[in-house]
PDB file of all heavy atoms in Angstrom:
ATOM      1  N   ARG A   1      -9.943   0.204   4.615  1.00  0.00           N
ATOM      2  CA  ARG A   1      -9.253  -1.068   4.491  1.00  0.00           C
ATOM      3  C   ARG A   1      -7.787  -0.813   4.318  1.00  0.00           C
ATOM      4  O   ARG A   1      -6.949  -1.612   4.797  1.00  0.00           O
ATOM      5  CB  ARG A   1      -9.780  -1.908   3.403  1.00  0.00           C
ATOM      6  CG  ARG A   1     -11.243  -2.299   3.552  1.00  0.00           C
ATOM      7  CD  ARG A   1     -11.705  -3.324   2.481  1.00  0.00           C
ATOM      8  NE  ARG A   1     -11.534  -2.822   1.143  1.00  0.00           N
ATOM      9  CZ  ARG A   1     -10.772  -3.460   0.172  1.00  0.00           C
ATOM     10  NH1 ARG A   1     -10.185  -4.560   0.472  1.00  0.00           N
ATOM     11  NH2 ARG A   1     -10.724  -2.957  -1.025  1.00  0.00           N
ATOM     12  N   PHE A   2      -7.399   0.165   3.537  1.00  0.00           N
ATOM     13  CA  PHE A   2      -6.018   0.464   3.097  1.00  0.00           C
ATOM     14  C   PHE A   2      -5.551   1.725   3.875  1.00  0.00           C
ATOM     15  O   PHE A   2      -6.303   2.644   4.073  1.00  0.00           O
ATOM     16  CB  PHE A   2      -5.875   0.709   1.645  1.00  0.00           C
ATOM     17  CG  PHE A   2      -6.066  -0.534   0.817  1.00  0.00           C
ATOM     18  CD1 PHE A   2      -6.574  -1.742   1.263  1.00  0.00           C
ATOM     19  CD2 PHE A   2      -5.711  -0.491  -0.552  1.00  0.00           C
ATOM     20  CE1 PHE A   2      -6.775  -2.866   0.476  1.00  0.00           C
ATOM     21  CE2 PHE A   2      -5.879  -1.566  -1.346  1.00  0.00           C
ATOM     22  CZ  PHE A   2      -6.396  -2.774  -0.821  1.00  0.00           C
ATOM     23  N   THR A   3      -4.277   1.688   4.220  1.00  0.00           N
ATOM     24  CA  THR A   3      -3.692   2.858   4.878  1.00  0.00           C
ATOM     25  C   THR A   3      -2.326   3.160   4.179  1.00  0.00           C
ATOM     26  O   THR A   3      -1.540   2.248   4.026  1.00  0.00           O
ATOM     27  CB  THR A   3      -3.406   2.585   6.351  1.00  0.00           C
ATOM     28  OG1 THR A   3      -4.659   2.292   6.987  1.00  0.00           O
ATOM     29  CG2 THR A   3      -2.842   3.816   7.030  1.00  0.00           C
ATOM     30  N   ILE A   4      -2.149   4.412   3.858  1.00  0.00           N
ATOM     31  CA  ILE A   4      -0.888   4.796   3.187  1.00  0.00           C
ATOM     32  C   ILE A   4      -0.077   5.597   4.238  1.00  0.00           C
ATOM     33  O   ILE A   4      -0.635   6.408   4.989  1.00  0.00           O
ATOM     34  CB  ILE A   4      -1.149   5.589   1.929  1.00  0.00           C
ATOM     35  CG1 ILE A   4       0.226   5.847   1.177  1.00  0.00           C
ATOM     36  CG2 ILE A   4      -1.813   6.889   2.209  1.00  0.00           C
ATOM     37  CD1 ILE A   4       0.042   6.377  -0.251  1.00  0.00           C
ATOM     38  N   SER A   5       1.253   5.401   4.249  1.00  0.00           N
ATOM     39  CA  SER A   5       2.111   6.163   5.146  1.00  0.00           C
ATOM     40  C   SER A   5       3.476   6.265   4.515  1.00  0.00           C
ATOM     41  O   SER A   5       3.756   5.652   3.502  1.00  0.00           O
ATOM     42  CB  SER A   5       2.174   5.397   6.493  1.00  0.00           C
ATOM     43  OG  SER A   5       2.793   4.107   6.338  1.00  0.00           O
ATOM     44  N   ARG A   6       4.326   7.146   5.156  1.00  0.00           N
ATOM     45  CA  ARG A   6       5.663   7.284   4.620  1.00  0.00           C
ATOM     46  C   ARG A   6       6.640   7.393   5.773  1.00  0.00           C
ATOM     47  O   ARG A   6       6.311   7.937   6.818  1.00  0.00           O
ATOM     48  CB  ARG A   6       5.830   8.405   3.596  1.00  0.00           C
ATOM     49  CG  ARG A   6       6.210   9.791   4.263  1.00  0.00           C
ATOM     50  CD  ARG A   6       4.996  10.617   4.544  1.00  0.00           C
ATOM     51  NE  ARG A   6       5.306  11.955   4.987  1.00  0.00           N
ATOM     52  CZ  ARG A   6       5.256  12.348   6.206  1.00  0.00           C
ATOM     53  NH1 ARG A   6       4.943  11.469   7.147  1.00  0.00           N
ATOM     54  NH2 ARG A   6       5.477  13.581   6.534  1.00  0.00           N
ATOM     55  N   ASP A   7       7.840   6.926   5.534  1.00  0.00           N
ATOM     56  CA  ASP A   7       8.983   7.061   6.472  1.00  0.00           C
ATOM     57  C   ASP A   7       9.987   7.894   5.795  1.00  0.00           C
ATOM     58  O   ASP A   7      10.729   7.398   4.923  1.00  0.00           O
ATOM     59  CB  ASP A   7       9.465   5.651   6.865  1.00  0.00           C
ATOM     60  CG  ASP A   7      10.546   5.733   7.910  1.00  0.00           C
ATOM     61  OD1 ASP A   7      11.267   6.743   7.980  1.00  0.00           O
ATOM     62  OD2 ASP A   7      10.692   4.782   8.689  1.00  0.00           O
ATOM     63  N   ALA A   8      10.071   9.176   6.143  1.00  0.00           N
ATOM     64  CA  ALA A   8      10.985  10.079   5.444  1.00  0.00           C
ATOM     65  C   ALA A   8      12.390   9.617   5.642  1.00  0.00           C
ATOM     66  O   ALA A   8      13.232   9.794   4.753  1.00  0.00           O
ATOM     67  CB  ALA A   8      10.740  11.497   5.931  1.00  0.00           C
ATOM     68  N   ALA A   9      12.749   9.147   6.783  1.00  0.00           N
ATOM     69  CA  ALA A   9      14.121   8.772   7.065  1.00  0.00           C
ATOM     70  C   ALA A   9      14.580   7.597   6.171  1.00  0.00           C
ATOM     71  O   ALA A   9      15.747   7.568   5.802  1.00  0.00           O
ATOM     72  CB  ALA A   9      14.290   8.335   8.526  1.00  0.00           C
ATOM     73  N   LYS A  10      13.625   6.726   5.807  1.00  0.00           N
ATOM     74  CA  LYS A  10      13.987   5.611   4.924  1.00  0.00           C
ATOM     75  C   LYS A  10      13.552   5.900   3.475  1.00  0.00           C
ATOM     76  O   LYS A  10      13.775   5.015   2.618  1.00  0.00           O
ATOM     77  CB  LYS A  10      13.246   4.362   5.397  1.00  0.00           C
ATOM     78  CG  LYS A  10      13.668   3.892   6.809  1.00  0.00           C
ATOM     79  CD  LYS A  10      12.938   2.607   7.189  1.00  0.00           C
ATOM     80  CE  LYS A  10      13.413   2.095   8.561  1.00  0.00           C
ATOM     81  NZ  LYS A  10      12.704   0.873   8.935  1.00  0.00           N
ATOM     82  N   ASN A  11      13.060   7.041   3.196  1.00  0.00           N
ATOM     83  CA  ASN A  11      12.622   7.357   1.814  1.00  0.00           C
ATOM     84  C   ASN A  11      11.695   6.262   1.275  1.00  0.00           C
ATOM     85  O   ASN A  11      11.855   5.847   0.111  1.00  0.00           O
ATOM     86  CB  ASN A  11      13.801   7.531   0.921  1.00  0.00           C
ATOM     87  CG  ASN A  11      14.032   8.972   0.538  1.00  0.00           C
ATOM     88  OD1 ASN A  11      13.628   9.883   1.281  1.00  0.00           O
ATOM     89  ND2 ASN A  11      14.726   9.178  -0.505  1.00  0.00           N
ATOM     90  N   THR A  12      10.768   5.865   2.077  1.00  0.00           N
ATOM     91  CA  THR A  12       9.903   4.723   1.749  1.00  0.00           C
ATOM     92  C   THR A  12       8.430   5.053   2.016  1.00  0.00           C
ATOM     93  O   THR A  12       8.136   5.681   3.036  1.00  0.00           O
ATOM     94  CB  THR A  12      10.317   3.485   2.459  1.00  0.00           C
ATOM     95  OG1 THR A  12      11.665   3.128   2.167  1.00  0.00           O
ATOM     96  CG2 THR A  12       9.397   2.267   2.125  1.00  0.00           C
ATOM     97  N   VAL A  13       7.594   4.649   1.096  1.00  0.00           N
ATOM     98  CA  VAL A  13       6.147   4.805   1.224  1.00  0.00           C
ATOM     99  C   VAL A  13       5.560   3.402   1.362  1.00  0.00           C
ATOM    100  O   VAL A  13       6.037   2.502   0.693  1.00  0.00           O
ATOM    101  CB  VAL A  13       5.501   5.539   0.031  1.00  0.00           C
ATOM    102  CG1 VAL A  13       4.046   5.601   0.146  1.00  0.00           C
ATOM    103  CG2 VAL A  13       6.147   6.926  -0.114  1.00  0.00           C
ATOM    104  N   TYR A  14       4.587   3.266   2.288  1.00  0.00           N
ATOM    105  CA  TYR A  14       3.966   1.975   2.529  1.00  0.00           C
ATOM    106  C   TYR A  14       2.488   2.048   2.169  1.00  0.00           C
ATOM    107  O   TYR A  14       1.830   3.032   2.265  1.00  0.00           O
ATOM    108  CB  TYR A  14       4.098   1.670   4.002  1.00  0.00           C
ATOM    109  CG  TYR A  14       5.534   1.574   4.526  1.00  0.00           C
ATOM    110  CD1 TYR A  14       6.105   2.667   5.133  1.00  0.00           C
ATOM    111  CD2 TYR A  14       6.317   0.511   4.252  1.00  0.00           C
ATOM    112  CE1 TYR A  14       7.421   2.654   5.620  1.00  0.00           C
ATOM    113  CE2 TYR A  14       7.632   0.441   4.707  1.00  0.00           C
ATOM    114  CZ  TYR A  14       8.149   1.513   5.305  1.00  0.00           C
ATOM    115  OH  TYR A  14       9.479   1.495   5.767  1.00  0.00           O
ATOM    116  N   LEU A  15       1.995   0.865   1.796  1.00  0.00           N
ATOM    117  CA  LEU A  15       0.529   0.673   1.591  1.00  0.00           C
ATOM    118  C   LEU A  15       0.091  -0.528   2.449  1.00  0.00           C
ATOM    119  O   LEU A  15       0.402  -1.655   2.057  1.00  0.00           O
ATOM    120  CB  LEU A  15       0.116   0.552   0.194  1.00  0.00           C
ATOM    121  CG  LEU A  15      -1.358   0.474  -0.097  1.00  0.00           C
ATOM    122  CD1 LEU A  15      -2.016   1.870   0.202  1.00  0.00           C
ATOM    123  CD2 LEU A  15      -1.644   0.073  -1.561  1.00  0.00           C
ATOM    124  N   GLN A  16      -0.521  -0.333   3.551  1.00  0.00           N
ATOM    125  CA  GLN A  16      -1.042  -1.369   4.377  1.00  0.00           C
ATOM    126  C   GLN A  16      -2.434  -1.757   3.899  1.00  0.00           C
ATOM    127  O   GLN A  16      -3.307  -0.921   3.858  1.00  0.00           O
ATOM    128  CB  GLN A  16      -1.093  -1.005   5.853  1.00  0.00           C
ATOM    129  CG  GLN A  16      -1.672  -2.084   6.773  1.00  0.00           C
ATOM    130  CD  GLN A  16      -0.831  -3.330   6.829  1.00  0.00           C
ATOM    131  OE1 GLN A  16       0.412  -3.181   6.991  1.00  0.00           O
ATOM    132  NE2 GLN A  16      -1.420  -4.493   6.815  1.00  0.00           N
ATOM    133  N   MET A  17      -2.570  -2.987   3.512  1.00  0.00           N
ATOM    134  CA  MET A  17      -3.848  -3.442   2.896  1.00  0.00           C
ATOM    135  C   MET A  17      -4.449  -4.539   3.806  1.00  0.00           C
ATOM    136  O   MET A  17      -3.839  -5.599   3.954  1.00  0.00           O
ATOM    137  CB  MET A  17      -3.618  -3.976   1.508  1.00  0.00           C
ATOM    138  CG  MET A  17      -2.868  -3.035   0.610  1.00  0.00           C
ATOM    139  SD  MET A  17      -2.739  -3.594  -1.117  1.00  0.00           S
ATOM    140  CE  MET A  17      -1.734  -5.071  -0.906  1.00  0.00           C
ATOM    141  N   ASN A  18      -5.607  -4.263   4.312  1.00  0.00           N
ATOM    142  CA  ASN A  18      -6.338  -5.182   5.188  1.00  0.00           C
ATOM    143  C   ASN A  18      -7.640  -5.607   4.527  1.00  0.00           C
ATOM    144  O   ASN A  18      -8.117  -4.963   3.634  1.00  0.00           O
ATOM    145  CB  ASN A  18      -6.591  -4.602   6.551  1.00  0.00           C
ATOM    146  CG  ASN A  18      -5.300  -4.191   7.279  1.00  0.00           C
ATOM    147  OD1 ASN A  18      -4.297  -4.847   7.141  1.00  0.00           O
ATOM    148  ND2 ASN A  18      -5.395  -3.134   8.060  1.00  0.00           N
ATOM    149  N   SER A  19      -8.236  -6.689   5.078  1.00  0.00           N
ATOM    150  CA  SER A  19      -9.529  -7.184   4.566  1.00  0.00           C
ATOM    151  C   SER A  19      -9.539  -7.302   3.062  1.00  0.00           C
ATOM    152  O   SER A  19     -10.529  -6.823   2.419  1.00  0.00           O
ATOM    153  CB  SER A  19     -10.658  -6.243   5.048  1.00  0.00           C
ATOM    154  OG  SER A  19     -10.724  -6.155   6.474  1.00  0.00           O
ATOM    155  N   LEU A  20      -8.523  -7.912   2.586  1.00  0.00           N
ATOM    156  CA  LEU A  20      -8.365  -8.015   1.112  1.00  0.00           C
ATOM    157  C   LEU A  20      -9.486  -8.904   0.525  1.00  0.00           C
ATOM    158  O   LEU A  20      -9.881  -9.920   1.176  1.00  0.00           O
ATOM    159  CB  LEU A  20      -7.021  -8.546   0.754  1.00  0.00           C
ATOM    160  CG  LEU A  20      -5.867  -7.491   0.922  1.00  0.00           C
ATOM    161  CD1 LEU A  20      -4.555  -8.208   0.998  1.00  0.00           C
ATOM    162  CD2 LEU A  20      -5.884  -6.510  -0.226  1.00  0.00           C
ATOM    163  N   THR A  21      -9.852  -8.583  -0.692  1.00  0.00           N
ATOM    164  CA  THR A  21     -10.892  -9.397  -1.421  1.00  0.00           C
ATOM    165  C   THR A  21     -10.315  -9.742  -2.807  1.00  0.00           C
ATOM    166  O   THR A  21      -9.328  -9.113  -3.234  1.00  0.00           O
ATOM    167  CB  THR A  21     -12.175  -8.634  -1.605  1.00  0.00           C
ATOM    168  OG1 THR A  21     -11.972  -7.573  -2.609  1.00  0.00           O
ATOM    169  CG2 THR A  21     -12.675  -7.920  -0.317  1.00  0.00           C
ATOM    170  N   PRO A  22     -10.900 -10.721  -3.485  1.00  0.00           N
ATOM    171  CA  PRO A  22     -10.368 -11.036  -4.861  1.00  0.00           C
ATOM    172  C   PRO A  22     -10.367  -9.840  -5.805  1.00  0.00           C
ATOM    173  O   PRO A  22      -9.602  -9.776  -6.698  1.00  0.00           O
ATOM    174  CB  PRO A  22     -11.333 -12.161  -5.282  1.00  0.00           C
ATOM    175  CG  PRO A  22     -11.745 -12.812  -3.981  1.00  0.00           C
ATOM    176  CD  PRO A  22     -11.877 -11.709  -2.978  1.00  0.00           C
ATOM    177  N   GLU A  23     -11.265  -8.900  -5.529  1.00  0.00           N
ATOM    178  CA  GLU A  23     -11.326  -7.685  -6.366  1.00  0.00           C
ATOM    179  C   GLU A  23     -10.139  -6.811  -6.216  1.00  0.00           C
ATOM    180  O   GLU A  23      -9.888  -5.878  -7.065  1.00  0.00           O
ATOM    181  CB  GLU A  23     -12.578  -6.885  -6.064  1.00  0.00           C
ATOM    182  CG  GLU A  23     -13.925  -7.494  -6.568  1.00  0.00           C
ATOM    183  CD  GLU A  23     -14.285  -8.789  -5.820  1.00  0.00           C
ATOM    184  OE1 GLU A  23     -14.016  -8.867  -4.635  1.00  0.00           O
ATOM    185  OE2 GLU A  23     -14.800  -9.741  -6.427  1.00  0.00           O
ATOM    186  N   ASP A  24      -9.317  -7.025  -5.209  1.00  0.00           N
ATOM    187  CA  ASP A  24      -8.089  -6.244  -5.001  1.00  0.00           C
ATOM    188  C   ASP A  24      -6.862  -6.817  -5.800  1.00  0.00           C
ATOM    189  O   ASP A  24      -5.835  -6.282  -5.800  1.00  0.00           O
ATOM    190  CB  ASP A  24      -7.740  -6.225  -3.514  1.00  0.00           C
ATOM    191  CG  ASP A  24      -8.720  -5.458  -2.725  1.00  0.00           C
ATOM    192  OD1 ASP A  24      -9.155  -4.373  -3.107  1.00  0.00           O
ATOM    193  OD2 ASP A  24      -9.120  -5.977  -1.618  1.00  0.00           O
ATOM    194  N   THR A  25      -7.164  -8.016  -6.425  1.00  0.00           N
ATOM    195  CA  THR A  25      -6.064  -8.586  -7.221  1.00  0.00           C
ATOM    196  C   THR A  25      -5.682  -7.709  -8.388  1.00  0.00           C
ATOM    197  O   THR A  25      -6.509  -7.285  -9.167  1.00  0.00           O
ATOM    198  CB  THR A  25      -6.525  -9.969  -7.787  1.00  0.00           C
ATOM    199  OG1 THR A  25      -6.729 -10.877  -6.682  1.00  0.00           O
ATOM    200  CG2 THR A  25      -5.515 -10.574  -8.749  1.00  0.00           C
ATOM    201  N   ALA A  26      -4.384  -7.395  -8.462  1.00  0.00           N
ATOM    202  CA  ALA A  26      -3.845  -6.441  -9.498  1.00  0.00           C
ATOM    203  C   ALA A  26      -2.325  -6.304  -9.326  1.00  0.00           C
ATOM    204  O   ALA A  26      -1.788  -6.873  -8.352  1.00  0.00           O
ATOM    205  CB  ALA A  26      -4.511  -5.112  -9.351  1.00  0.00           C
ATOM    206  N   VAL A  27      -1.741  -5.710 -10.269  1.00  0.00           N
ATOM    207  CA  VAL A  27      -0.383  -5.236 -10.147  1.00  0.00           C
ATOM    208  C   VAL A  27      -0.495  -3.874  -9.538  1.00  0.00           C
ATOM    209  O   VAL A  27      -1.199  -2.997 -10.015  1.00  0.00           O
ATOM    210  CB  VAL A  27       0.341  -5.192 -11.512  1.00  0.00           C
ATOM    211  CG1 VAL A  27       1.765  -4.619 -11.240  1.00  0.00           C
ATOM    212  CG2 VAL A  27       0.413  -6.577 -12.152  1.00  0.00           C
ATOM    213  N   TYR A  28       0.286  -3.620  -8.454  1.00  0.00           N
ATOM    214  CA  TYR A  28       0.240  -2.367  -7.723  1.00  0.00           C
ATOM    215  C   TYR A  28       1.498  -1.593  -8.057  1.00  0.00           C
ATOM    216  O   TYR A  28       2.617  -2.076  -7.958  1.00  0.00           O
ATOM    217  CB  TYR A  28       0.167  -2.616  -6.220  1.00  0.00           C
ATOM    218  CG  TYR A  28      -1.223  -3.003  -5.824  1.00  0.00           C
ATOM    219  CD1 TYR A  28      -1.789  -4.217  -6.147  1.00  0.00           C
ATOM    220  CD2 TYR A  28      -2.053  -2.151  -5.084  1.00  0.00           C
ATOM    221  CE1 TYR A  28      -3.059  -4.552  -5.784  1.00  0.00           C
ATOM    222  CE2 TYR A  28      -3.313  -2.413  -4.721  1.00  0.00           C
ATOM    223  CZ  TYR A  28      -3.835  -3.701  -5.058  1.00  0.00           C
ATOM    224  OH  TYR A  28      -5.167  -4.000  -4.665  1.00  0.00           O
ATOM    225  N   TYR A  29       1.276  -0.300  -8.455  1.00  0.00           N
ATOM    226  CA  TYR A  29       2.365   0.565  -8.846  1.00  0.00           C
ATOM    227  C   TYR A  29       2.547   1.765  -7.922  1.00  0.00           C
ATOM    228  O   TYR A  29       1.519   2.368  -7.499  1.00  0.00           O
ATOM    229  CB  TYR A  29       2.099   1.117 -10.242  1.00  0.00           C
ATOM    230  CG  TYR A  29       2.111   0.045 -11.338  1.00  0.00           C
ATOM    231  CD1 TYR A  29       0.896  -0.581 -11.680  1.00  0.00           C
ATOM    232  CD2 TYR A  29       3.283  -0.285 -12.007  1.00  0.00           C
ATOM    233  CE1 TYR A  29       0.810  -1.468 -12.672  1.00  0.00           C
ATOM    234  CE2 TYR A  29       3.213  -1.257 -13.023  1.00  0.00           C
ATOM    235  CZ  TYR A  29       2.006  -1.843 -13.328  1.00  0.00           C
ATOM    236  OH  TYR A  29       1.931  -2.826 -14.355  1.00  0.00           O
ATOM    237  N   CYS A  30       3.725   2.084  -7.609  1.00  0.00           N
ATOM    238  CA  CYS A  30       4.052   3.329  -6.861  1.00  0.00           C
ATOM    239  C   CYS A  30       4.418   4.397  -7.856  1.00  0.00           C
ATOM    240  O   CYS A  30       5.026   4.128  -8.921  1.00  0.00           O
ATOM    241  CB  CYS A  30       5.261   3.000  -5.962  1.00  0.00           C
ATOM    242  SG  CYS A  30       5.865   4.361  -5.006  1.00  0.00           S
ATOM    243  N   ALA A  31       4.011   5.651  -7.548  1.00  0.00           N
ATOM    244  CA  ALA A  31       4.268   6.736  -8.423  1.00  0.00           C
ATOM    245  C   ALA A  31       4.624   8.005  -7.659  1.00  0.00           C
ATOM    246  O   ALA A  31       4.168   8.141  -6.527  1.00  0.00           O
ATOM    247  CB  ALA A  31       3.076   6.973  -9.366  1.00  0.00           C
TER     248      ALA A  31
END
């Protein structure tokens, strides 16, 4: 359901979240 990727040129990491359910409700932290 989730895919993580990064764009080195933009120094950015992404988390694509699909088919979300209420159980995915949370504060999401990058580390």
